[in-house]
Amino acid sequence: MTKNKFITFEEVYEKKQRNKKIFIGTYIAITLVLISLMTYFMGQA
């Protein structure tokens, strides 16, 4: 019983960690795109 609960808890934790990594990755990608766009427009002006 406790073993099963522990396994499911670990699975949930791993899923959360994976989602966090994906969220951080997309956040960094969006930030990089915004920075490159800003530098591009600064260069144009």
C-alpha atoms as a PDB file:
ATOM      1  CA  MET A   1       0.000   0.000   0.000  1.00  0.00           C
ATOM      2  CA  THR A   2       2.633   2.540   1.087  1.00  0.00           C
ATOM      3  CA  LYS A   3       4.926   1.362  -1.721  1.00  0.00           C
ATOM      4  CA  ASN A   4       2.236   2.051  -4.335  1.00  0.00           C
ATOM      5  CA  LYS A   5       1.535   5.467  -2.836  1.00  0.00           C
ATOM      6  CA  PHE A   6       5.260   6.254  -2.863  1.00  0.00           C
ATOM      7  CA  ILE A   7       5.574   5.240  -6.526  1.00  0.00           C
ATOM      8  CA  THR A   8       2.574   7.348  -7.565  1.00  0.00           C
ATOM      9  CA  PHE A   9       3.949  10.286  -5.551  1.00  0.00           C
ATOM     10  CA  GLU A  10       7.311   9.915  -7.337  1.00  0.00           C
ATOM     11  CA  GLU A  11       5.542   9.762 -10.714  1.00  0.00           C
ATOM     12  CA  VAL A  12       3.596  12.930  -9.921  1.00  0.00           C
ATOM     13  CA  TYR A  13       6.795  14.646  -8.752  1.00  0.00           C
ATOM     14  CA  GLU A  14       8.659  13.616 -11.926  1.00  0.00           C
ATOM     15  CA  LYS A  15       5.775  14.875 -14.064  1.00  0.00           C
ATOM     16  CA  LYS A  16       5.850  18.217 -12.224  1.00  0.00           C
ATOM     17  CA  GLN A  17       9.617  18.491 -12.740  1.00  0.00           C
ATOM     18  CA  ARG A  18       9.222  17.748 -16.466  1.00  0.00           C
ATOM     19  CA  ASN A  19       6.468  20.359 -16.808  1.00  0.00           C
ATOM     20  CA  LYS A  20       8.639  22.883 -14.955  1.00  0.00           C
ATOM     21  CA  LYS A  21      11.556  22.207 -17.333  1.00  0.00           C
ATOM     22  CA  ILE A  22       9.267  22.652 -20.364  1.00  0.00           C
ATOM     23  CA  PHE A  23       7.847  25.890 -18.880  1.00  0.00           C
ATOM     24  CA  ILE A  24      11.333  27.273 -18.171  1.00  0.00           C
ATOM     25  CA  GLY A  25      12.478  26.265 -21.669  1.00  0.00           C
ATOM     26  CA  THR A  26       9.586  28.054 -23.379  1.00  0.00           C
ATOM     27  CA  TYR A  27      10.073  31.107 -21.129  1.00  0.00           C
ATOM     28  CA  ILE A  28      13.779  31.309 -22.062  1.00  0.00           C
ATOM     29  CA  ALA A  29      12.959  30.836 -25.777  1.00  0.00           C
ATOM     30  CA  ILE A  30      10.354  33.646 -25.712  1.00  0.00           C
ATOM     31  CA  THR A  31      12.773  35.929 -23.843  1.00  0.00           C
ATOM     32  CA  LEU A  32      15.553  35.250 -26.378  1.00  0.00           C
ATOM     33  CA  VAL A  33      13.180  35.965 -29.298  1.00  0.00           C
ATOM     34  CA  LEU A  34      12.064  39.242 -27.679  1.00  0.00           C
ATOM     35  CA  ILE A  35      15.678  40.300 -27.034  1.00  0.00           C
ATOM     36  CA  SER A  36      16.725  39.523 -30.626  1.00  0.00           C
ATOM     37  CA  LEU A  37      13.699  41.430 -31.980  1.00  0.00           C
ATOM     38  CA  MET A  38      14.510  44.427 -29.772  1.00  0.00           C
ATOM     39  CA  THR A  39      18.166  44.481 -30.850  1.00  0.00           C
ATOM     40  CA  TYR A  40      17.067  44.151 -34.506  1.00  0.00           C
ATOM     41  CA  PHE A  41      14.696  47.128 -34.232  1.00  0.00           C
ATOM     42  CA  MET A  42      17.328  49.122 -32.301  1.00  0.00           C
ATOM     43  CA  GLY A  43      19.732  48.490 -35.173  1.00  0.00           C
ATOM     44  CA  GLN A  44      17.086  49.595 -37.699  1.00  0.00           C
ATOM     45  CA  ALA A  45      16.357  52.893 -35.915  1.00  0.00           C
END
